[in-house]
Amino acid sequence: MILEMTTISVFRLIFRYLFSVNEIPPRIVAMVRQLAGAATTEMAQEACRKLRVAAGSCPDARVHIVKARGISHIIAAMVLYRESASVQEQACGALGNLSCDNGDNQRAITKAGGISAIVSAMHRHGDSAAVQEAACETLWELAVNDEDNPRAIVNAGGIKAVISAMQCHDGSAAVLEQACGVLLNLACDEDNPRA
């Protein structure tokens, strides 16, 4: 865990050093264009990974990614490369980082079909702990401080997908932690039906 946190901190420092405030929009636009033009699974996975790192490293980058239509391109990649666990993992992670502490982005992800895409990825790649962890983390983020997203997660079959992730990956503390976070946030929504 300490190594993971150190790696994330190093990425943040590198990102802030390489991209001054004036340079972020062109760099972000280039990353989104790379995703939009991805001709292979590997290209899509790498583009989603770059967007995931950028969105997780700098709050300003989140705004620029959304302005560059990054959300719709990430979700399109999830649909186009639905058989690729690596694309799904990175795309879910990118959406999760975009939704972090940003209600506007949370709503934009939901409006663009992000919740359905995430739940579909969970069903299709049930054997991948990495996909399940990233998907649960993103659903957890999307369910925080939003009135409509918890209901959208339930309606998309999110509870069943999260419980399935917990059952299939009961030895993964990371999957279980993220899954419990989702369920906690959904349970706090009084409008959700009790299963």
N, C-alpha and C. Protein backbone atom coordinates (compact mmCIF):
# COMPACT_ATOMS: atom_id res chain seq x y z
N MET A 1 0.82 -1.19 0.00
CA MET A 1 0.00 0.00 0.00
C MET A 1 0.87 1.26 0.00
N ILE A 2 1.96 1.24 0.77
CA ILE A 2 2.85 2.40 0.83
C ILE A 2 3.50 2.61 -0.52
N LEU A 3 3.93 1.53 -1.19
CA LEU A 3 4.53 1.65 -2.51
C LEU A 3 3.53 2.22 -3.50
N GLU A 4 2.28 1.77 -3.41
CA GLU A 4 1.23 2.27 -4.31
C GLU A 4 1.02 3.77 -4.08
N MET A 5 0.97 4.21 -2.83
CA MET A 5 0.78 5.62 -2.53
C MET A 5 1.98 6.44 -3.00
N THR A 6 3.20 5.89 -2.87
CA THR A 6 4.39 6.58 -3.32
C THR A 6 4.35 6.73 -4.83
N THR A 7 3.94 5.68 -5.54
CA THR A 7 3.85 5.74 -6.99
C THR A 7 2.85 6.81 -7.42
N ILE A 8 1.72 6.87 -6.77
CA ILE A 8 0.71 7.88 -7.09
C ILE A 8 1.27 9.27 -6.83
N SER A 9 1.97 9.46 -5.72
CA SER A 9 2.55 10.76 -5.39
C SER A 9 3.58 11.17 -6.43
N VAL A 10 4.39 10.23 -6.89
CA VAL A 10 5.40 10.52 -7.91
C VAL A 10 4.71 10.94 -9.21
N PHE A 11 3.63 10.22 -9.61
CA PHE A 11 2.89 10.60 -10.81
C PHE A 11 2.35 12.03 -10.70
N ARG A 12 1.83 12.37 -9.52
CA ARG A 12 1.29 13.72 -9.32
C ARG A 12 2.38 14.77 -9.48
N LEU A 13 3.54 14.53 -8.89
CA LEU A 13 4.64 15.49 -9.00
C LEU A 13 5.11 15.62 -10.44
N ILE A 14 5.25 14.51 -11.13
CA ILE A 14 5.68 14.54 -12.52
C ILE A 14 4.67 15.30 -13.36
N PHE A 15 3.38 15.01 -13.17
CA PHE A 15 2.33 15.66 -13.94
C PHE A 15 2.37 17.17 -13.73
N ARG A 16 2.48 17.59 -12.47
CA ARG A 16 2.49 19.02 -12.18
C ARG A 16 3.75 19.69 -12.74
N TYR A 17 4.86 18.97 -12.74
CA TYR A 17 6.10 19.53 -13.28
C TYR A 17 6.03 19.65 -14.80
N LEU A 18 5.53 18.63 -15.47
CA LEU A 18 5.50 18.61 -16.93
C LEU A 18 4.44 19.51 -17.53
N PHE A 19 3.33 19.67 -16.84
CA PHE A 19 2.21 20.40 -17.41
C PHE A 19 1.92 21.64 -16.57
N SER A 20 2.36 22.77 -17.06
CA SER A 20 1.99 24.00 -16.36
C SER A 20 0.52 24.26 -16.62
N VAL A 21 -0.06 25.18 -15.90
CA VAL A 21 -1.48 25.48 -16.04
C VAL A 21 -1.81 25.86 -17.49
N ASN A 22 -0.92 26.57 -18.16
CA ASN A 22 -1.18 26.99 -19.54
C ASN A 22 -1.12 25.84 -20.52
N GLU A 23 -0.40 24.78 -20.21
CA GLU A 23 -0.22 23.68 -21.15
C GLU A 23 -1.27 22.58 -20.99
N ILE A 24 -2.03 22.55 -19.93
CA ILE A 24 -2.95 21.45 -19.70
C ILE A 24 -3.95 21.27 -20.83
N PRO A 25 -4.67 22.28 -21.26
CA PRO A 25 -5.68 22.02 -22.28
C PRO A 25 -5.15 21.35 -23.55
N PRO A 26 -4.06 21.82 -24.16
CA PRO A 26 -3.59 21.11 -25.37
C PRO A 26 -3.16 19.67 -25.09
N ARG A 27 -2.54 19.44 -23.96
CA ARG A 27 -2.11 18.08 -23.61
C ARG A 27 -3.32 17.18 -23.39
N ILE A 28 -4.31 17.70 -22.70
CA ILE A 28 -5.52 16.91 -22.44
C ILE A 28 -6.25 16.63 -23.75
N VAL A 29 -6.36 17.66 -24.58
CA VAL A 29 -7.01 17.47 -25.88
C VAL A 29 -6.27 16.39 -26.67
N ALA A 30 -4.96 16.39 -26.61
CA ALA A 30 -4.18 15.36 -27.32
C ALA A 30 -4.47 13.97 -26.76
N MET A 31 -4.61 13.87 -25.44
CA MET A 31 -4.92 12.57 -24.83
C MET A 31 -6.31 12.09 -25.25
N VAL A 32 -7.27 12.98 -25.27
CA VAL A 32 -8.63 12.60 -25.67
C VAL A 32 -8.64 12.22 -27.15
N ARG A 33 -7.91 12.97 -27.97
CA ARG A 33 -7.83 12.62 -29.40
C ARG A 33 -7.18 11.26 -29.60
N GLN A 34 -6.16 10.97 -28.79
CA GLN A 34 -5.52 9.66 -28.87
C GLN A 34 -6.53 8.56 -28.60
N LEU A 35 -7.40 8.77 -27.62
CA LEU A 35 -8.42 7.77 -27.32
C LEU A 35 -9.44 7.68 -28.45
N ALA A 36 -9.87 8.83 -28.95
CA ALA A 36 -10.88 8.85 -30.01
C ALA A 36 -10.36 8.16 -31.28
N GLY A 37 -9.06 8.25 -31.51
CA GLY A 37 -8.49 7.65 -32.71
C GLY A 37 -7.86 6.29 -32.49
N ALA A 38 -8.07 5.71 -31.33
CA ALA A 38 -7.45 4.42 -31.01
C ALA A 38 -7.94 3.34 -31.98
N ALA A 39 -7.00 2.73 -32.67
CA ALA A 39 -7.34 1.70 -33.65
C ALA A 39 -7.16 0.29 -33.11
N THR A 40 -6.54 0.18 -31.94
CA THR A 40 -6.31 -1.15 -31.36
C THR A 40 -6.66 -1.12 -29.87
N THR A 41 -6.83 -2.29 -29.32
CA THR A 41 -7.09 -2.42 -27.89
C THR A 41 -5.97 -1.79 -27.07
N GLU A 42 -4.73 -2.03 -27.50
CA GLU A 42 -3.59 -1.51 -26.77
C GLU A 42 -3.58 0.01 -26.77
N MET A 43 -3.92 0.61 -27.91
CA MET A 43 -3.96 2.08 -27.98
C MET A 43 -5.06 2.64 -27.09
N ALA A 44 -6.21 2.00 -27.07
CA ALA A 44 -7.32 2.45 -26.22
C ALA A 44 -6.95 2.31 -24.76
N GLN A 45 -6.34 1.19 -24.40
CA GLN A 45 -5.94 0.96 -23.00
C GLN A 45 -4.94 2.02 -22.56
N GLU A 46 -3.97 2.33 -23.40
CA GLU A 46 -2.94 3.32 -23.05
C GLU A 46 -3.55 4.72 -22.95
N ALA A 47 -4.45 5.06 -23.86
CA ALA A 47 -5.09 6.38 -23.81
C ALA A 47 -5.94 6.51 -22.54
N CYS A 48 -6.69 5.48 -22.21
CA CYS A 48 -7.50 5.51 -20.97
C CYS A 48 -6.60 5.59 -19.74
N ARG A 49 -5.46 4.90 -19.78
CA ARG A 49 -4.52 4.96 -18.66
C ARG A 49 -3.99 6.38 -18.47
N LYS A 50 -3.64 7.03 -19.57
CA LYS A 50 -3.13 8.40 -19.49
C LYS A 50 -4.19 9.35 -18.92
N LEU A 51 -5.43 9.19 -19.38
CA LEU A 51 -6.51 10.03 -18.86
C LEU A 51 -6.76 9.73 -17.38
N ARG A 52 -6.64 8.47 -17.00
CA ARG A 52 -6.83 8.08 -15.59
C ARG A 52 -5.78 8.76 -14.71
N VAL A 53 -4.53 8.72 -15.14
CA VAL A 53 -3.45 9.34 -14.38
C VAL A 53 -3.63 10.85 -14.32
N ALA A 54 -3.95 11.46 -15.46
CA ALA A 54 -4.13 12.91 -15.50
C ALA A 54 -5.27 13.34 -14.58
N ALA A 55 -6.40 12.65 -14.66
CA ALA A 55 -7.57 13.01 -13.84
C ALA A 55 -7.29 12.78 -12.36
N GLY A 56 -6.48 11.79 -12.04
CA GLY A 56 -6.16 11.51 -10.65
C GLY A 56 -5.07 12.40 -10.09
N SER A 57 -4.35 13.07 -10.97
CA SER A 57 -3.21 13.87 -10.54
C SER A 57 -3.50 15.34 -10.34
N CYS A 58 -4.49 15.85 -11.04
CA CYS A 58 -4.69 17.29 -11.05
C CYS A 58 -6.17 17.63 -11.21
N PRO A 59 -6.77 18.29 -10.22
CA PRO A 59 -8.19 18.65 -10.35
C PRO A 59 -8.49 19.49 -11.59
N ASP A 60 -7.58 20.38 -11.98
CA ASP A 60 -7.80 21.17 -13.19
C ASP A 60 -7.89 20.29 -14.42
N ALA A 61 -7.12 19.22 -14.44
CA ALA A 61 -7.15 18.31 -15.59
C ALA A 61 -8.53 17.68 -15.74
N ARG A 62 -9.21 17.41 -14.63
CA ARG A 62 -10.55 16.83 -14.69
C ARG A 62 -11.49 17.73 -15.49
N VAL A 63 -11.42 19.00 -15.21
CA VAL A 63 -12.28 19.96 -15.90
C VAL A 63 -11.96 19.97 -17.40
N HIS A 64 -10.69 19.98 -17.73
CA HIS A 64 -10.28 20.05 -19.13
C HIS A 64 -10.62 18.76 -19.89
N ILE A 65 -10.50 17.62 -19.21
CA ILE A 65 -10.87 16.35 -19.86
C ILE A 65 -12.34 16.35 -20.21
N VAL A 66 -13.17 16.84 -19.31
CA VAL A 66 -14.61 16.89 -19.57
C VAL A 66 -14.91 17.86 -20.71
N LYS A 67 -14.27 19.03 -20.69
CA LYS A 67 -14.48 20.01 -21.76
C LYS A 67 -14.06 19.47 -23.12
N ALA A 68 -13.08 18.58 -23.13
CA ALA A 68 -12.60 17.98 -24.39
C ALA A 68 -13.42 16.76 -24.79
N ARG A 69 -14.57 16.57 -24.12
CA ARG A 69 -15.48 15.46 -24.39
C ARG A 69 -14.85 14.10 -24.04
N GLY A 70 -14.00 14.11 -23.04
CA GLY A 70 -13.32 12.89 -22.62
C GLY A 70 -14.27 11.83 -22.09
N ILE A 71 -15.31 12.24 -21.38
CA ILE A 71 -16.23 11.25 -20.81
C ILE A 71 -16.87 10.42 -21.91
N SER A 72 -17.38 11.07 -22.94
CA SER A 72 -18.05 10.32 -24.01
C SER A 72 -17.08 9.41 -24.75
N HIS A 73 -15.83 9.84 -24.91
CA HIS A 73 -14.84 9.00 -25.58
C HIS A 73 -14.42 7.81 -24.71
N ILE A 74 -14.34 8.01 -23.41
CA ILE A 74 -14.01 6.90 -22.51
C ILE A 74 -15.13 5.86 -22.56
N ILE A 75 -16.36 6.30 -22.48
CA ILE A 75 -17.49 5.37 -22.52
C ILE A 75 -17.57 4.67 -23.88
N ALA A 76 -17.30 5.40 -24.94
CA ALA A 76 -17.29 4.79 -26.28
C ALA A 76 -16.22 3.70 -26.37
N ALA A 77 -15.07 3.95 -25.76
CA ALA A 77 -14.01 2.93 -25.74
C ALA A 77 -14.45 1.71 -24.95
N MET A 78 -15.19 1.93 -23.87
CA MET A 78 -15.69 0.80 -23.08
C MET A 78 -16.63 -0.07 -23.91
N VAL A 79 -17.44 0.56 -24.73
CA VAL A 79 -18.38 -0.19 -25.58
C VAL A 79 -17.63 -0.88 -26.72
N LEU A 80 -16.76 -0.14 -27.39
CA LEU A 80 -16.04 -0.68 -28.54
C LEU A 80 -15.09 -1.82 -28.15
N TYR A 81 -14.42 -1.66 -27.02
CA TYR A 81 -13.44 -2.66 -26.57
C TYR A 81 -13.95 -3.40 -25.34
N ARG A 82 -15.21 -3.77 -25.38
CA ARG A 82 -15.85 -4.40 -24.22
C ARG A 82 -15.23 -5.74 -23.84
N GLU A 83 -14.56 -6.41 -24.78
CA GLU A 83 -13.94 -7.70 -24.49
C GLU A 83 -12.58 -7.57 -23.80
N SER A 84 -12.05 -6.36 -23.74
CA SER A 84 -10.73 -6.14 -23.16
C SER A 84 -10.83 -5.73 -21.69
N ALA A 85 -10.37 -6.61 -20.83
CA ALA A 85 -10.37 -6.30 -19.40
C ALA A 85 -9.46 -5.10 -19.10
N SER A 86 -8.34 -4.99 -19.81
CA SER A 86 -7.41 -3.89 -19.52
C SER A 86 -8.02 -2.54 -19.90
N VAL A 87 -8.76 -2.47 -21.01
CA VAL A 87 -9.44 -1.23 -21.37
C VAL A 87 -10.50 -0.90 -20.33
N GLN A 88 -11.27 -1.91 -19.92
CA GLN A 88 -12.34 -1.68 -18.95
C GLN A 88 -11.77 -1.19 -17.62
N GLU A 89 -10.68 -1.80 -17.19
CA GLU A 89 -10.05 -1.37 -15.92
C GLU A 89 -9.62 0.09 -15.98
N GLN A 90 -8.88 0.44 -17.04
CA GLN A 90 -8.38 1.81 -17.15
C GLN A 90 -9.51 2.81 -17.37
N ALA A 91 -10.52 2.44 -18.15
CA ALA A 91 -11.65 3.34 -18.40
C ALA A 91 -12.45 3.57 -17.11
N CYS A 92 -12.71 2.50 -16.38
CA CYS A 92 -13.41 2.66 -15.09
C CYS A 92 -12.60 3.55 -14.16
N GLY A 93 -11.30 3.33 -14.12
CA GLY A 93 -10.43 4.15 -13.27
C GLY A 93 -10.45 5.62 -13.69
N ALA A 94 -10.46 5.85 -14.99
CA ALA A 94 -10.50 7.24 -15.49
C ALA A 94 -11.81 7.90 -15.09
N LEU A 95 -12.93 7.19 -15.27
CA LEU A 95 -14.22 7.74 -14.88
C LEU A 95 -14.27 8.00 -13.37
N GLY A 96 -13.70 7.09 -12.60
CA GLY A 96 -13.67 7.28 -11.14
C GLY A 96 -12.88 8.51 -10.74
N ASN A 97 -11.72 8.70 -11.37
CA ASN A 97 -10.92 9.87 -11.05
C ASN A 97 -11.61 11.16 -11.51
N LEU A 98 -12.30 11.10 -12.64
CA LEU A 98 -13.04 12.28 -13.11
C LEU A 98 -14.17 12.65 -12.15
N SER A 99 -14.78 11.64 -11.53
CA SER A 99 -15.93 11.89 -10.66
C SER A 99 -15.54 12.30 -9.25
N CYS A 100 -14.29 12.16 -8.92
CA CYS A 100 -13.81 12.44 -7.56
C CYS A 100 -14.07 13.90 -7.17
N ASP A 101 -14.88 14.08 -6.15
CA ASP A 101 -15.18 15.40 -5.59
C ASP A 101 -15.70 16.39 -6.64
N ASN A 102 -16.44 15.90 -7.63
CA ASN A 102 -16.94 16.79 -8.67
C ASN A 102 -18.34 16.36 -9.08
N GLY A 103 -19.34 16.99 -8.48
CA GLY A 103 -20.73 16.63 -8.76
C GLY A 103 -21.12 16.83 -10.21
N ASP A 104 -20.60 17.88 -10.85
CA ASP A 104 -20.92 18.09 -12.27
C ASP A 104 -20.42 16.93 -13.11
N ASN A 105 -19.20 16.48 -12.83
CA ASN A 105 -18.65 15.34 -13.58
C ASN A 105 -19.42 14.06 -13.29
N GLN A 106 -19.83 13.89 -12.03
CA GLN A 106 -20.62 12.70 -11.67
C GLN A 106 -21.90 12.66 -12.50
N ARG A 107 -22.58 13.78 -12.57
CA ARG A 107 -23.83 13.83 -13.34
C ARG A 107 -23.57 13.63 -14.84
N ALA A 108 -22.48 14.20 -15.34
CA ALA A 108 -22.14 14.04 -16.76
C ALA A 108 -21.84 12.59 -17.10
N ILE A 109 -21.16 11.89 -16.22
CA ILE A 109 -20.85 10.48 -16.44
C ILE A 109 -22.14 9.66 -16.47
N THR A 110 -23.03 9.94 -15.55
CA THR A 110 -24.30 9.23 -15.52
C THR A 110 -25.12 9.52 -16.77
N LYS A 111 -25.20 10.78 -17.13
CA LYS A 111 -25.98 11.18 -18.31
C LYS A 111 -25.45 10.55 -19.59
N ALA A 112 -24.14 10.35 -19.66
CA ALA A 112 -23.52 9.77 -20.86
C ALA A 112 -23.60 8.24 -20.90
N GLY A 113 -24.20 7.63 -19.86
CA GLY A 113 -24.32 6.18 -19.84
C GLY A 113 -23.19 5.46 -19.13
N GLY A 114 -22.46 6.20 -18.33
CA GLY A 114 -21.32 5.63 -17.64
C GLY A 114 -21.65 4.53 -16.65
N ILE A 115 -22.75 4.69 -15.92
CA ILE A 115 -23.10 3.67 -14.93
C ILE A 115 -23.41 2.35 -15.61
N SER A 116 -24.17 2.39 -16.67
CA SER A 116 -24.49 1.15 -17.41
C SER A 116 -23.23 0.52 -17.98
N ALA A 117 -22.32 1.34 -18.50
CA ALA A 117 -21.07 0.82 -19.06
C ALA A 117 -20.23 0.15 -17.98
N ILE A 118 -20.19 0.75 -16.80
CA ILE A 118 -19.42 0.19 -15.69
C ILE A 118 -20.01 -1.14 -15.23
N VAL A 119 -21.33 -1.18 -15.05
CA VAL A 119 -21.98 -2.42 -14.62
C VAL A 119 -21.81 -3.51 -15.68
N SER A 120 -21.89 -3.14 -16.94
CA SER A 120 -21.66 -4.12 -18.03
C SER A 120 -20.25 -4.68 -17.97
N ALA A 121 -19.28 -3.81 -17.70
CA ALA A 121 -17.89 -4.26 -17.59
C ALA A 121 -17.74 -5.24 -16.43
N MET A 122 -18.44 -4.98 -15.33
CA MET A 122 -18.38 -5.87 -14.18
C MET A 122 -18.94 -7.25 -14.53
N HIS A 123 -20.04 -7.28 -15.26
CA HIS A 123 -20.63 -8.56 -15.65
C HIS A 123 -19.73 -9.31 -16.64
N ARG A 124 -19.21 -8.60 -17.60
CA ARG A 124 -18.41 -9.23 -18.66
C ARG A 124 -17.06 -9.71 -18.14
N HIS A 125 -16.51 -9.03 -17.17
CA HIS A 125 -15.16 -9.35 -16.68
C HIS A 125 -15.20 -9.69 -15.19
N GLY A 126 -16.16 -10.54 -14.82
CA GLY A 126 -16.31 -10.94 -13.43
C GLY A 126 -15.09 -11.61 -12.84
N ASP A 127 -14.26 -12.22 -13.69
CA ASP A 127 -13.08 -12.92 -13.20
C ASP A 127 -11.87 -12.00 -12.99
N SER A 128 -11.98 -10.75 -13.38
CA SER A 128 -10.86 -9.81 -13.26
C SER A 128 -11.01 -8.97 -11.99
N ALA A 129 -10.15 -9.23 -11.03
CA ALA A 129 -10.18 -8.44 -9.79
C ALA A 129 -9.87 -6.98 -10.07
N ALA A 130 -9.00 -6.72 -11.03
CA ALA A 130 -8.63 -5.34 -11.35
C ALA A 130 -9.83 -4.56 -11.90
N VAL A 131 -10.61 -5.18 -12.77
CA VAL A 131 -11.82 -4.52 -13.30
C VAL A 131 -12.82 -4.31 -12.18
N GLN A 132 -13.01 -5.33 -11.35
CA GLN A 132 -13.99 -5.22 -10.27
C GLN A 132 -13.61 -4.12 -9.28
N GLU A 133 -12.34 -4.04 -8.94
CA GLU A 133 -11.89 -3.01 -8.01
C GLU A 133 -12.11 -1.61 -8.59
N ALA A 134 -11.67 -1.40 -9.84
CA ALA A 134 -11.82 -0.09 -10.48
C ALA A 134 -13.29 0.28 -10.65
N ALA A 135 -14.11 -0.70 -11.04
CA ALA A 135 -15.54 -0.45 -11.24
C ALA A 135 -16.23 -0.10 -9.92
N CYS A 136 -15.93 -0.87 -8.88
CA CYS A 136 -16.55 -0.60 -7.57
C CYS A 136 -16.10 0.76 -7.03
N GLU A 137 -14.84 1.08 -7.20
CA GLU A 137 -14.34 2.37 -6.74
C GLU A 137 -15.09 3.51 -7.45
N THR A 138 -15.31 3.33 -8.74
CA THR A 138 -16.00 4.37 -9.51
C THR A 138 -17.47 4.47 -9.11
N LEU A 139 -18.13 3.34 -8.92
CA LEU A 139 -19.52 3.38 -8.46
C LEU A 139 -19.62 4.04 -7.09
N TRP A 140 -18.65 3.77 -6.24
CA TRP A 140 -18.61 4.39 -4.91
C TRP A 140 -18.53 5.91 -5.07
N GLU A 141 -17.61 6.37 -5.93
CA GLU A 141 -17.47 7.82 -6.17
C GLU A 141 -18.77 8.40 -6.72
N LEU A 142 -19.39 7.69 -7.65
CA LEU A 142 -20.60 8.21 -8.29
C LEU A 142 -21.78 8.28 -7.32
N ALA A 143 -21.78 7.44 -6.30
CA ALA A 143 -22.89 7.40 -5.34
C ALA A 143 -22.74 8.43 -4.22
N VAL A 144 -21.61 9.10 -4.16
CA VAL A 144 -21.36 10.07 -3.09
C VAL A 144 -21.97 11.42 -3.45
N ASN A 145 -22.68 12.00 -2.51
CA ASN A 145 -23.18 13.38 -2.63
C ASN A 145 -23.98 13.64 -3.90
N ASP A 146 -24.74 12.69 -4.33
CA ASP A 146 -25.60 12.90 -5.49
C ASP A 146 -26.94 12.24 -5.19
N GLU A 147 -28.00 12.92 -5.49
CA GLU A 147 -29.33 12.40 -5.18
C GLU A 147 -29.79 11.33 -6.17
N ASP A 148 -29.39 11.45 -7.43
CA ASP A 148 -29.91 10.57 -8.47
C ASP A 148 -29.03 9.35 -8.77
N ASN A 149 -27.74 9.48 -8.59
CA ASN A 149 -26.85 8.38 -8.97
C ASN A 149 -27.07 7.08 -8.20
N PRO A 150 -27.35 7.12 -6.90
CA PRO A 150 -27.60 5.84 -6.22
C PRO A 150 -28.75 5.07 -6.86
N ARG A 151 -29.82 5.76 -7.19
CA ARG A 151 -30.96 5.11 -7.85
C ARG A 151 -30.54 4.57 -9.22
N ALA A 152 -29.76 5.34 -9.96
CA ALA A 152 -29.30 4.90 -11.28
C ALA A 152 -28.43 3.65 -11.17
N ILE A 153 -27.61 3.59 -10.13
CA ILE A 153 -26.75 2.41 -9.92
C ILE A 153 -27.62 1.19 -9.63
N VAL A 154 -28.61 1.35 -8.77
CA VAL A 154 -29.53 0.25 -8.45
C VAL A 154 -30.28 -0.19 -9.71
N ASN A 155 -30.81 0.76 -10.46
CA ASN A 155 -31.59 0.44 -11.66
C ASN A 155 -30.75 -0.24 -12.74
N ALA A 156 -29.45 0.03 -12.77
CA ALA A 156 -28.56 -0.59 -13.75
C ALA A 156 -28.11 -1.99 -13.32
N GLY A 157 -28.55 -2.44 -12.15
CA GLY A 157 -28.13 -3.75 -11.66
C GLY A 157 -26.84 -3.71 -10.87
N GLY A 158 -26.51 -2.53 -10.38
CA GLY A 158 -25.25 -2.34 -9.67
C GLY A 158 -25.11 -3.15 -8.39
N ILE A 159 -26.20 -3.31 -7.64
CA ILE A 159 -26.10 -4.07 -6.39
C ILE A 159 -25.73 -5.52 -6.68
N LYS A 160 -26.39 -6.13 -7.65
CA LYS A 160 -26.06 -7.52 -7.99
C LYS A 160 -24.64 -7.64 -8.49
N ALA A 161 -24.19 -6.68 -9.29
CA ALA A 161 -22.82 -6.71 -9.81
C ALA A 161 -21.80 -6.58 -8.68
N VAL A 162 -22.08 -5.71 -7.73
CA VAL A 162 -21.16 -5.51 -6.60
C VAL A 162 -21.12 -6.75 -5.71
N ILE A 163 -22.27 -7.32 -5.43
CA ILE A 163 -22.30 -8.54 -4.61
C ILE A 163 -21.58 -9.68 -5.31
N SER A 164 -21.77 -9.79 -6.62
CA SER A 164 -21.07 -10.82 -7.39
C SER A 164 -19.56 -10.61 -7.31
N ALA A 165 -19.12 -9.36 -7.40
CA ALA A 165 -17.68 -9.06 -7.28
C ALA A 165 -17.15 -9.50 -5.93
N MET A 166 -17.93 -9.27 -4.88
CA MET A 166 -17.51 -9.66 -3.54
C MET A 166 -17.41 -11.18 -3.41
N GLN A 167 -18.36 -11.88 -4.02
CA GLN A 167 -18.35 -13.34 -3.94
C GLN A 167 -17.21 -13.93 -4.75
N CYS A 168 -16.98 -13.40 -5.94
CA CYS A 168 -15.93 -13.95 -6.81
C CYS A 168 -14.52 -13.60 -6.33
N HIS A 169 -14.39 -12.50 -5.62
CA HIS A 169 -13.06 -12.03 -5.21
C HIS A 169 -13.01 -11.83 -3.69
N ASP A 170 -13.51 -12.83 -2.98
CA ASP A 170 -13.56 -12.72 -1.52
C ASP A 170 -12.19 -12.72 -0.87
N GLY A 171 -11.15 -13.02 -1.62
CA GLY A 171 -9.79 -12.98 -1.10
C GLY A 171 -9.07 -11.68 -1.41
N SER A 172 -9.74 -10.77 -2.11
CA SER A 172 -9.12 -9.49 -2.47
C SER A 172 -9.63 -8.39 -1.56
N ALA A 173 -8.76 -7.94 -0.68
CA ALA A 173 -9.15 -6.87 0.25
C ALA A 173 -9.52 -5.60 -0.51
N ALA A 174 -8.83 -5.33 -1.62
CA ALA A 174 -9.10 -4.11 -2.39
C ALA A 174 -10.50 -4.14 -3.00
N VAL A 175 -10.88 -5.28 -3.59
CA VAL A 175 -12.22 -5.39 -4.17
C VAL A 175 -13.27 -5.29 -3.06
N LEU A 176 -13.06 -5.99 -1.97
CA LEU A 176 -14.03 -5.97 -0.88
C LEU A 176 -14.20 -4.57 -0.28
N GLU A 177 -13.10 -3.85 -0.13
CA GLU A 177 -13.17 -2.49 0.42
C GLU A 177 -14.00 -1.58 -0.49
N GLN A 178 -13.71 -1.62 -1.78
CA GLN A 178 -14.45 -0.76 -2.72
C GLN A 178 -15.92 -1.17 -2.80
N ALA A 179 -16.16 -2.46 -2.82
CA ALA A 179 -17.54 -2.96 -2.90
C ALA A 179 -18.34 -2.55 -1.67
N CYS A 180 -17.73 -2.67 -0.50
CA CYS A 180 -18.43 -2.26 0.73
C CYS A 180 -18.73 -0.76 0.71
N GLY A 181 -17.83 0.02 0.15
CA GLY A 181 -18.07 1.46 0.03
C GLY A 181 -19.28 1.76 -0.83
N VAL A 182 -19.41 1.05 -1.95
CA VAL A 182 -20.58 1.24 -2.81
C VAL A 182 -21.84 0.89 -2.04
N LEU A 183 -21.85 -0.28 -1.43
CA LEU A 183 -23.05 -0.73 -0.72
C LEU A 183 -23.41 0.20 0.43
N LEU A 184 -22.40 0.73 1.12
CA LEU A 184 -22.66 1.68 2.20
C LEU A 184 -23.37 2.92 1.66
N ASN A 185 -22.85 3.46 0.57
CA ASN A 185 -23.47 4.67 0.01
C ASN A 185 -24.87 4.39 -0.52
N LEU A 186 -25.08 3.22 -1.10
CA LEU A 186 -26.41 2.88 -1.59
C LEU A 186 -27.38 2.66 -0.43
N ALA A 187 -26.89 2.07 0.65
CA ALA A 187 -27.75 1.83 1.82
C ALA A 187 -28.15 3.13 2.50
N CYS A 188 -27.33 4.16 2.37
CA CYS A 188 -27.64 5.45 2.99
C CYS A 188 -28.72 6.21 2.22
N ASP A 189 -29.02 5.78 1.02
CA ASP A 189 -30.06 6.43 0.22
C ASP A 189 -31.41 5.83 0.59
N GLU A 190 -32.23 6.60 1.27
CA GLU A 190 -33.51 6.10 1.77
C GLU A 190 -34.48 5.71 0.65
N ASP A 191 -34.26 6.23 -0.56
CA ASP A 191 -35.17 5.92 -1.68
C ASP A 191 -34.87 4.58 -2.33
N ASN A 192 -33.71 4.00 -2.03
CA ASN A 192 -33.38 2.71 -2.65
C ASN A 192 -34.15 1.58 -1.99
N PRO A 193 -34.62 0.64 -2.79
CA PRO A 193 -35.33 -0.51 -2.22
C PRO A 193 -34.36 -1.39 -1.44
N ARG A 194 -34.85 -1.98 -0.43
CA ARG A 194 -34.02 -2.90 0.37
C ARG A 194 -34.10 -4.28 -0.23
N ALA A 195 -32.92 -4.85 -0.49
CA ALA A 195 -32.88 -6.18 -1.11
C ALA A 195 -32.96 -7.25 -0.06
